[in-house]
Structures are given as structure tokens and as C-alpha cells.
Amino acid sequence: MEIILTAVLVALVAVVVGSGLGFQLHNILSAKSQRAVEEASAQQMRRSNARSKEILLEAKEQALELRTNAQAQLNDQKLTLQRQQSRLEAREEILQGKSDAVEKHESLLQDQRTELIDEKSKLNDLRQQAGEKLEAISGLSMSDARQQLLDQAEEDIQFEIARRYRDAELVAQDEADDKARLILAESMQRLASEVVSEATVTSISLPNDEMKGRLIGREGRNIRAIEATTGVDLI
């Protein structure tokens, strides 16, 4: 009986001891597993943080690049706009200068027109005054004075026509004299070539007195010229 009790007690003690050891072993294994999980979680967190930092850095770099490019484009656009604005302002200045010049020219033309109108008015007044004075001095009306001027102009024109006609007649006379002298000289040369050793007297018939006058010329100058040219005496 004691042996059975002892065995039972030993078994109970074994059970109790086994239960305590199992619990402790379970606690040990659970602690290791927890630490492993925590360590794995910490590593994952570190990797996630590192990746997040990398992503954030890449995003910042991309944002900085985009901002730099956008700023460069904006600066180029501003520079282009400034150049266009400068050209527009210069063109506006040129147009304004031309407009001012045109206005000044138009103003000058208007002043000249006004001066011409004034001068024309003054000239008309002077003509009127001159006409009135002429009427007072000569006792003639404007129509009579105008008629006298026309008559005088007609006389002057007729005198000028007569003078020119006379000059043309003299020129024609001189040309005819020269031509007659040339014809006579050629005739005398042909006659002179036929003379051998003695003087020859030749009579030439002239068709009329006009030809005779042209042959003689003014104060006999044609005769003298022919005698000097041909070496013959004309009687």
C-alpha cells in the first residue's frame, strides 16, 4: 500500500514538475518567437523608412528639377515678352514720331495755305488799287486800259514778227549769195582749166537782175571773192 502511495506521489510530483517545466519551456519559446517577430518587424520598419526616405528624396529631386525647368521656361518667356515689348515700344515711338511729323507738316501746309490766301487777297487788293490809280491818272476805265494794253501787245507782236521775218529774209539772201558765189566759182574754174596760154574773155548770160544782184553781193563782196579765188577779172 505504501508502495502504491509512493508511486502515486512520485507520479503526481512528476506531473507537477513536468507541467512546470513545460510551462517554462513554452514561455521561453514564446519569448524567442516574440523577439524574432519584433526584430523582423523592426527590420521591416527600417527598410520601409529607408525606402520612404529614398522615395521622398527622389520626389524632392524631381520637384526641384521640375521647378528649375519651369523657372527657366518662365524666364525665357519673360525675356521674349520683354523683347517683344521693347520692339512694340520702339515701333510705337517711330509711329508717334511719324504722326507728329505728319501733323507738323499738315500744320505747316495749313499755314502756307493761309498765307497764300492772305497774299492772294493782298494781291487782289493791290490790283484793285492799281486799277483805281490807273483810272485816276489816265482817265481810262479798266476795260479801256485793258484794251490799250492788248493793242500795245498786238503792236509789239507784229513788230517782233516783222523783225524775225526781216532777219529770216537776210539769212536767206546771204545763203543765196553764198550759193551763187559757189556756182560762179565752179564755173570759172572749169573755164580757167580750158585756157592754155592766153587770156580768155568769156561772156556769161544771167537769167535776171535778181541773179545778177546775188552774184555781185553786198557792195561787190561776191565779185571780189570770186576774183580772189579764180584769179580772173569779172567785168
C-alpha atoms as a PDB file:
ATOM      1  CA  MET A   1       0.000   0.000   0.000  1.00  0.00           C
ATOM      2  CA  GLU A   2       2.819   2.368   0.868  1.00  0.00           C
ATOM      3  CA  ILE A   3       4.494   1.426  -2.363  1.00  0.00           C
ATOM      4  CA  ILE A   4       1.405   2.396  -4.313  1.00  0.00           C
ATOM      5  CA  LEU A   5       1.085   5.671  -2.455  1.00  0.00           C
ATOM      6  CA  THR A   6       4.714   6.346  -3.060  1.00  0.00           C
ATOM      7  CA  ALA A   7       4.296   5.641  -6.743  1.00  0.00           C
ATOM      8  CA  VAL A   8       1.268   7.824  -6.922  1.00  0.00           C
ATOM      9  CA  LEU A   9       3.071  10.627  -5.154  1.00  0.00           C
ATOM     10  CA  VAL A  10       6.026  10.213  -7.446  1.00  0.00           C
ATOM     11  CA  ALA A  11       3.726  10.318 -10.418  1.00  0.00           C
ATOM     12  CA  LEU A  12       1.978  13.393  -9.106  1.00  0.00           C
ATOM     13  CA  VAL A  13       5.266  15.051  -8.430  1.00  0.00           C
ATOM     14  CA  ALA A  14       6.412  14.133 -11.919  1.00  0.00           C
ATOM     15  CA  VAL A  15       3.276  15.547 -13.383  1.00  0.00           C
ATOM     16  CA  VAL A  16       3.639  18.715 -11.390  1.00  0.00           C
ATOM     17  CA  VAL A  17       7.287  19.049 -12.257  1.00  0.00           C
ATOM     18  CA  GLY A  18       6.612  18.235 -15.898  1.00  0.00           C
ATOM     19  CA  SER A  19       3.875  20.780 -16.037  1.00  0.00           C
ATOM     20  CA  GLY A  20       6.154  23.486 -14.633  1.00  0.00           C
ATOM     21  CA  LEU A  21       8.939  22.661 -17.000  1.00  0.00           C
ATOM     22  CA  GLY A  22       6.577  22.659 -19.960  1.00  0.00           C
ATOM     23  CA  PHE A  23       5.196  25.995 -18.955  1.00  0.00           C
ATOM     24  CA  GLN A  24       8.640  27.433 -18.575  1.00  0.00           C
ATOM     25  CA  LEU A  25       9.698  25.931 -21.896  1.00  0.00           C
ATOM     26  CA  HIS A  26       6.631  27.394 -23.528  1.00  0.00           C
ATOM     27  CA  ASN A  27       7.408  30.754 -22.043  1.00  0.00           C
ATOM     28  CA  ILE A  28      10.981  30.554 -23.321  1.00  0.00           C
ATOM     29  CA  LEU A  29       9.892  29.616 -26.812  1.00  0.00           C
ATOM     30  CA  SER A  30       7.219  32.278 -26.821  1.00  0.00           C
ATOM     31  CA  ALA A  31       9.745  34.915 -25.776  1.00  0.00           C
ATOM     32  CA  LYS A  32      12.165  33.926 -28.537  1.00  0.00           C
ATOM     33  CA  SER A  33       9.396  33.966 -31.109  1.00  0.00           C
ATOM     34  CA  GLN A  34       8.247  37.371 -29.906  1.00  0.00           C
ATOM     35  CA  ARG A  35      11.757  38.756 -30.140  1.00  0.00           C
ATOM     36  CA  ALA A  36      12.122  37.323 -33.629  1.00  0.00           C
ATOM     37  CA  VAL A  37       8.848  38.864 -34.672  1.00  0.00           C
ATOM     38  CA  GLU A  38       9.796  42.178 -33.123  1.00  0.00           C
ATOM     39  CA  GLU A  39      13.223  42.050 -34.764  1.00  0.00           C
ATOM     40  CA  ALA A  40      11.672  41.218 -38.142  1.00  0.00           C
ATOM     41  CA  SER A  41       9.141  43.988 -37.676  1.00  0.00           C
ATOM     42  CA  ALA A  42      11.904  46.416 -36.736  1.00  0.00           C
ATOM     43  CA  GLN A  43      13.920  45.449 -39.795  1.00  0.00           C
ATOM     44  CA  GLN A  44      10.863  45.841 -41.996  1.00  0.00           C
ATOM     45  CA  MET A  45      10.201  49.221 -40.427  1.00  0.00           C
ATOM     46  CA  ARG A  46      13.782  50.270 -41.014  1.00  0.00           C
ATOM     47  CA  ARG A  47      13.594  49.133 -44.623  1.00  0.00           C
ATOM     48  CA  SER A  48      10.273  50.925 -45.034  1.00  0.00           C
ATOM     49  CA  ASN A  49      11.696  54.107 -43.516  1.00  0.00           C
ATOM     50  CA  ALA A  50      14.758  53.890 -45.744  1.00  0.00           C
ATOM     51  CA  ARG A  51      12.603  53.353 -48.823  1.00  0.00           C
ATOM     52  CA  SER A  52      10.326  56.172 -47.759  1.00  0.00           C
ATOM     53  CA  LYS A  53      13.326  58.437 -47.407  1.00  0.00           C
ATOM     54  CA  GLU A  54      14.562  57.368 -50.842  1.00  0.00           C
ATOM     55  CA  ILE A  55      11.139  57.986 -52.381  1.00  0.00           C
ATOM     56  CA  LEU A  56      10.885  61.338 -50.611  1.00  0.00           C
ATOM     57  CA  LEU A  57      14.373  62.315 -51.791  1.00  0.00           C
ATOM     58  CA  GLU A  58      13.559  61.280 -55.359  1.00  0.00           C
ATOM     59  CA  ALA A  59      10.316  63.232 -55.185  1.00  0.00           C
ATOM     60  CA  LYS A  60      12.164  66.286 -53.888  1.00  0.00           C
ATOM     61  CA  GLU A  61      14.765  65.977 -56.648  1.00  0.00           C
ATOM     62  CA  GLN A  62      12.063  65.614 -59.309  1.00  0.00           C
ATOM     63  CA  ALA A  63      10.150  68.537 -57.841  1.00  0.00           C
ATOM     64  CA  LEU A  64      13.341  70.625 -57.816  1.00  0.00           C
ATOM     65  CA  GLU A  65      14.073  69.670 -61.437  1.00  0.00           C
ATOM     66  CA  LEU A  66      10.518  70.484 -62.482  1.00  0.00           C
ATOM     67  CA  ARG A  67      10.694  73.769 -60.626  1.00  0.00           C
ATOM     68  CA  THR A  68      14.060  74.600 -62.209  1.00  0.00           C
ATOM     69  CA  ASN A  69      12.782  73.784 -65.705  1.00  0.00           C
ATOM     70  CA  ALA A  70       9.584  75.712 -65.109  1.00  0.00           C
ATOM     71  CA  GLN A  71      11.567  78.696 -63.830  1.00  0.00           C
ATOM     72  CA  ALA A  72      13.879  78.538 -66.860  1.00  0.00           C
ATOM     73  CA  GLN A  73      10.888  78.428 -69.219  1.00  0.00           C
ATOM     74  CA  LEU A  74       9.287  81.261 -67.320  1.00  0.00           C
ATOM     75  CA  ASN A  75      12.484  83.311 -67.571  1.00  0.00           C
ATOM     76  CA  ASP A  76      12.689  82.620 -71.314  1.00  0.00           C
ATOM     77  CA  GLN A  77       9.064  83.643 -71.747  1.00  0.00           C
ATOM     78  CA  LYS A  78       9.663  86.792 -69.697  1.00  0.00           C
ATOM     79  CA  LEU A  79      12.733  87.623 -71.808  1.00  0.00           C
ATOM     80  CA  THR A  80      10.768  87.019 -75.018  1.00  0.00           C
ATOM     81  CA  LEU A  81       7.913  89.173 -73.761  1.00  0.00           C
ATOM     82  CA  GLN A  82      10.352  91.903 -72.746  1.00  0.00           C
ATOM     83  CA  ARG A  83      11.941  91.866 -76.202  1.00  0.00           C
ATOM     84  CA  GLN A  84       8.534  91.977 -77.866  1.00  0.00           C
ATOM     85  CA  GLN A  85       7.510  94.783 -75.556  1.00  0.00           C
ATOM     86  CA  SER A  86      10.688  96.686 -76.394  1.00  0.00           C
ATOM     87  CA  ARG A  87      10.059  96.247 -80.128  1.00  0.00           C
ATOM     88  CA  LEU A  88       6.454  97.351 -79.712  1.00  0.00           C
ATOM     89  CA  GLU A  89       7.520 100.398 -77.725  1.00  0.00           C
ATOM     90  CA  ALA A  90      10.156 101.270 -80.328  1.00  0.00           C
ATOM     91  CA  ARG A  91       7.604 100.839 -83.107  1.00  0.00           C
ATOM     92  CA  GLU A  92       5.124 102.978 -81.204  1.00  0.00           C
ATOM     93  CA  GLU A  93       7.783 105.658 -80.792  1.00  0.00           C
ATOM     94  CA  ILE A  94       8.521 105.553 -84.529  1.00  0.00           C
ATOM     95  CA  LEU A  95       4.822 105.718 -85.380  1.00  0.00           C
ATOM     96  CA  GLN A  96       4.342 108.518 -82.907  1.00  0.00           C
ATOM     97  CA  GLY A  97       7.278 110.368 -84.425  1.00  0.00           C
ATOM     98  CA  LYS A  98       5.838 109.901 -87.903  1.00  0.00           C
ATOM     99  CA  SER A  99       2.442 111.005 -86.663  1.00  0.00           C
ATOM    100  CA  ASP A 100       3.969 114.101 -85.097  1.00  0.00           C
ATOM    101  CA  ALA A 101       5.875 114.812 -88.322  1.00  0.00           C
ATOM    102  CA  VAL A 102       2.699 114.408 -90.378  1.00  0.00           C
ATOM    103  CA  GLU A 103       0.776 116.675 -88.048  1.00  0.00           C
ATOM    104  CA  LYS A 104       3.578 119.225 -88.175  1.00  0.00           C
ATOM    105  CA  HIS A 105       3.680 119.012 -91.975  1.00  0.00           C
ATOM    106  CA  GLU A 106      -0.100 119.389 -92.188  1.00  0.00           C
ATOM    107  CA  SER A 107       0.071 122.343 -89.842  1.00  0.00           C
ATOM    108  CA  LEU A 108       2.808 123.883 -91.984  1.00  0.00           C
ATOM    109  CA  LEU A 109       0.751 123.295 -95.134  1.00  0.00           C
ATOM    110  CA  GLN A 110      -2.254 124.854 -93.489  1.00  0.00           C
ATOM    111  CA  ASP A 111      -0.172 127.870 -92.505  1.00  0.00           C
ATOM    112  CA  GLN A 112       1.122 128.109 -96.068  1.00  0.00           C
ATOM    113  CA  ARG A 113      -2.428 127.856 -97.418  1.00  0.00           C
ATOM    114  CA  THR A 114      -3.477 130.611 -95.069  1.00  0.00           C
ATOM    115  CA  GLU A 115      -0.510 132.734 -96.141  1.00  0.00           C
ATOM    116  CA  LEU A 116      -1.304 132.104 -99.812  1.00  0.00           C
ATOM    117  CA  ILE A 117      -4.913 133.100 -99.259  1.00  0.00           C
ATOM    118  CA  ASP A 118      -3.757 136.246 -97.480  1.00  0.00           C
ATOM    119  CA  GLU A 119      -1.226 137.003-100.216  1.00  0.00           C
ATOM    120  CA  LYS A 120      -3.858 136.413-102.885  1.00  0.00           C
ATOM    121  CA  SER A 121      -6.227 138.722-101.069  1.00  0.00           C
ATOM    122  CA  LYS A 122      -3.494 141.342-100.753  1.00  0.00           C
ATOM    123  CA  LEU A 123      -2.626 140.920-104.444  1.00  0.00           C
ATOM    124  CA  ASN A 124      -6.252 141.398-105.412  1.00  0.00           C
ATOM    125  CA  ASP A 125      -6.381 144.494-103.244  1.00  0.00           C
ATOM    126  CA  LEU A 126      -3.196 145.812-104.856  1.00  0.00           C
ATOM    127  CA  ARG A 127      -4.592 145.111-108.310  1.00  0.00           C
ATOM    128  CA  GLN A 128      -7.776 146.896-107.392  1.00  0.00           C
ATOM    129  CA  GLN A 129      -5.831 149.842-106.013  1.00  0.00           C
ATOM    130  CA  ALA A 130      -3.542 149.898-109.063  1.00  0.00           C
ATOM    131  CA  GLY A 131      -6.571 149.827-111.339  1.00  0.00           C
ATOM    132  CA  GLU A 132      -8.189 152.651-109.446  1.00  0.00           C
ATOM    133  CA  LYS A 133      -4.971 154.693-109.545  1.00  0.00           C
ATOM    134  CA  LEU A 134      -4.579 153.960-113.260  1.00  0.00           C
ATOM    135  CA  GLU A 135      -8.126 155.109-113.870  1.00  0.00           C
ATOM    136  CA  ALA A 136      -7.497 158.237-111.825  1.00  0.00           C
ATOM    137  CA  ILE A 137      -4.216 159.058-113.597  1.00  0.00           C
ATOM    138  CA  SER A 138      -5.113 158.166-117.159  1.00  0.00           C
ATOM    139  CA  GLY A 139      -8.761 158.940-117.013  1.00  0.00           C
ATOM    140  CA  LEU A 140      -9.437 155.499-118.523  1.00  0.00           C
ATOM    141  CA  SER A 141     -11.603 152.754-117.201  1.00  0.00           C
ATOM    142  CA  MET A 142     -10.244 149.288-116.560  1.00  0.00           C
ATOM    143  CA  SER A 143     -11.730 147.976-119.792  1.00  0.00           C
ATOM    144  CA  ASP A 144     -10.186 150.836-121.800  1.00  0.00           C
ATOM    145  CA  ALA A 145      -6.816 150.361-120.131  1.00  0.00           C
ATOM    146  CA  ARG A 146      -7.003 146.620-120.808  1.00  0.00           C
ATOM    147  CA  GLN A 147      -7.799 147.329-124.446  1.00  0.00           C
ATOM    148  CA  GLN A 148      -4.824 149.684-124.696  1.00  0.00           C
ATOM    149  CA  LEU A 149      -2.599 147.004-123.233  1.00  0.00           C
ATOM    150  CA  LEU A 150      -3.936 144.491-125.738  1.00  0.00           C
ATOM    151  CA  ASP A 151      -3.378 146.931-128.600  1.00  0.00           C
ATOM    152  CA  GLN A 152       0.154 147.612-127.422  1.00  0.00           C
ATOM    153  CA  ALA A 153       0.813 143.891-127.096  1.00  0.00           C
ATOM    154  CA  GLU A 154      -0.511 143.341-130.606  1.00  0.00           C
ATOM    155  CA  GLU A 155       1.782 146.057-131.956  1.00  0.00           C
ATOM    156  CA  ASP A 156       4.737 144.527-130.142  1.00  0.00           C
ATOM    157  CA  ILE A 157       3.906 141.102-131.547  1.00  0.00           C
ATOM    158  CA  GLN A 158       3.577 142.465-135.079  1.00  0.00           C
ATOM    159  CA  PHE A 159       6.880 144.304-134.712  1.00  0.00           C
ATOM    160  CA  GLU A 160       8.556 141.136-133.458  1.00  0.00           C
ATOM    161  CA  ILE A 161       7.091 139.130-136.351  1.00  0.00           C
ATOM    162  CA  ALA A 162       8.307 141.725-138.862  1.00  0.00           C
ATOM    163  CA  ARG A 163      11.759 141.750-137.282  1.00  0.00           C
ATOM    164  CA  ARG A 164      12.028 137.990-137.405  1.00  0.00           C
ATOM    165  CA  TYR A 165      10.772 137.946-140.996  1.00  0.00           C
ATOM    166  CA  ARG A 166      13.386 140.523-141.936  1.00  0.00           C
ATOM    167  CA  ASP A 167      16.116 138.541-140.212  1.00  0.00           C
ATOM    168  CA  ALA A 168      14.979 135.371-141.969  1.00  0.00           C
ATOM    169  CA  GLU A 169      14.979 137.202-145.293  1.00  0.00           C
ATOM    170  CA  LEU A 170      18.505 138.449-144.696  1.00  0.00           C
ATOM    171  CA  VAL A 171      19.640 134.954-143.784  1.00  0.00           C
ATOM    172  CA  ALA A 172      18.018 133.560-146.927  1.00  0.00           C
ATOM    173  CA  GLN A 173      19.653 136.325-149.000  1.00  0.00           C
ATOM    174  CA  ASP A 174      23.061 135.512-147.542  1.00  0.00           C
ATOM    175  CA  GLU A 175      22.567 131.811-148.209  1.00  0.00           C
ATOM    176  CA  ALA A 176      21.507 132.558-151.800  1.00  0.00           C
ATOM    177  CA  ASP A 177      24.538 134.817-152.279  1.00  0.00           C
ATOM    178  CA  ASP A 178      26.841 132.136-150.982  1.00  0.00           C
ATOM    179  CA  LYS A 179      25.269 129.572-153.266  1.00  0.00           C
ATOM    180  CA  ALA A 180      25.525 131.875-156.314  1.00  0.00           C
ATOM    181  CA  ARG A 181      29.146 132.623-155.475  1.00  0.00           C
ATOM    182  CA  LEU A 182      29.897 128.933-155.238  1.00  0.00           C
ATOM    183  CA  ILE A 183      28.216 128.205-158.586  1.00  0.00           C
ATOM    184  CA  LEU A 184      30.076 131.045-160.289  1.00  0.00           C
ATOM    185  CA  ALA A 185      33.384 129.964-158.779  1.00  0.00           C
ATOM    186  CA  GLU A 186      32.916 126.419-160.024  1.00  0.00           C
ATOM    187  CA  SER A 187      32.020 127.714-163.493  1.00  0.00           C
ATOM    188  CA  MET A 188      35.064 129.979-163.602  1.00  0.00           C
ATOM    189  CA  GLN A 189      37.313 127.139-162.530  1.00  0.00           C
ATOM    190  CA  ARG A 190      36.031 124.969-165.345  1.00  0.00           C
ATOM    191  CA  LEU A 191      36.593 127.838-167.798  1.00  0.00           C
ATOM    192  CA  ALA A 192      40.044 128.581-166.434  1.00  0.00           C
ATOM    193  CA  SER A 193      41.121 124.975-166.933  1.00  0.00           C
ATOM    194  CA  GLU A 194      40.409 125.310-170.647  1.00  0.00           C
ATOM    195  CA  VAL A 195      42.757 128.288-171.060  1.00  0.00           C
ATOM    196  CA  VAL A 196      46.128 127.198-172.497  1.00  0.00           C
ATOM    197  CA  SER A 197      48.449 130.163-172.772  1.00  0.00           C
ATOM    198  CA  GLU A 198      46.447 133.314-173.391  1.00  0.00           C
ATOM    199  CA  ALA A 199      43.817 135.273-171.588  1.00  0.00           C
ATOM    200  CA  THR A 200      40.282 134.426-172.458  1.00  0.00           C
ATOM    201  CA  VAL A 201      37.300 136.673-172.324  1.00  0.00           C
ATOM    202  CA  THR A 202      34.029 134.886-171.772  1.00  0.00           C
ATOM    203  CA  SER A 203      30.558 136.297-171.570  1.00  0.00           C
ATOM    204  CA  ILE A 204      28.023 134.619-169.293  1.00  0.00           C
ATOM    205  CA  SER A 205      24.355 135.379-169.629  1.00  0.00           C
ATOM    206  CA  LEU A 206      22.418 135.788-166.385  1.00  0.00           C
ATOM    207  CA  PRO A 207      18.697 134.989-166.390  1.00  0.00           C
ATOM    208  CA  ASN A 208      17.569 138.096-164.498  1.00  0.00           C
ATOM    209  CA  ASP A 209      18.635 141.050-162.385  1.00  0.00           C
ATOM    210  CA  GLU A 210      17.974 139.160-159.154  1.00  0.00           C
ATOM    211  CA  MET A 211      20.609 136.589-160.044  1.00  0.00           C
ATOM    212  CA  LYS A 212      22.922 139.425-161.049  1.00  0.00           C
ATOM    213  CA  GLY A 213      22.425 141.076-157.692  1.00  0.00           C
ATOM    214  CA  ARG A 214      23.131 137.828-155.852  1.00  0.00           C
ATOM    215  CA  LEU A 215      26.268 137.359-157.931  1.00  0.00           C
ATOM    216  CA  ILE A 216      27.561 140.820-157.132  1.00  0.00           C
ATOM    217  CA  GLY A 217      26.596 140.624-153.464  1.00  0.00           C
ATOM    218  CA  ARG A 218      26.568 143.419-150.974  1.00  0.00           C
ATOM    219  CA  GLU A 219      28.932 146.176-152.118  1.00  0.00           C
ATOM    220  CA  GLY A 220      30.502 143.740-154.608  1.00  0.00           C
ATOM    221  CA  ARG A 221      31.933 141.370-151.997  1.00  0.00           C
ATOM    222  CA  ASN A 222      30.942 138.303-154.008  1.00  0.00           C
ATOM    223  CA  ILE A 223      32.767 139.664-157.080  1.00  0.00           C
ATOM    224  CA  ARG A 224      35.927 140.255-155.075  1.00  0.00           C
ATOM    225  CA  ALA A 225      35.758 136.824-153.514  1.00  0.00           C
ATOM    226  CA  ILE A 226      35.361 135.154-156.913  1.00  0.00           C
ATOM    227  CA  GLU A 227      38.262 137.137-158.403  1.00  0.00           C
ATOM    228  CA  ALA A 228      40.481 136.211-155.459  1.00  0.00           C
ATOM    229  CA  THR A 229      39.542 132.556-155.736  1.00  0.00           C
ATOM    230  CA  THR A 230      39.778 132.086-159.503  1.00  0.00           C
ATOM    231  CA  GLY A 231      42.387 134.666-160.476  1.00  0.00           C
ATOM    232  CA  VAL A 232      40.184 136.148-163.212  1.00  0.00           C
ATOM    233  CA  ASP A 233      38.737 139.574-163.610  1.00  0.00           C
ATOM    234  CA  LEU A 234      34.994 139.997-163.700  1.00  0.00           C
ATOM    235  CA  ILE A 235      33.613 142.932-165.669  1.00  0.00           C
END
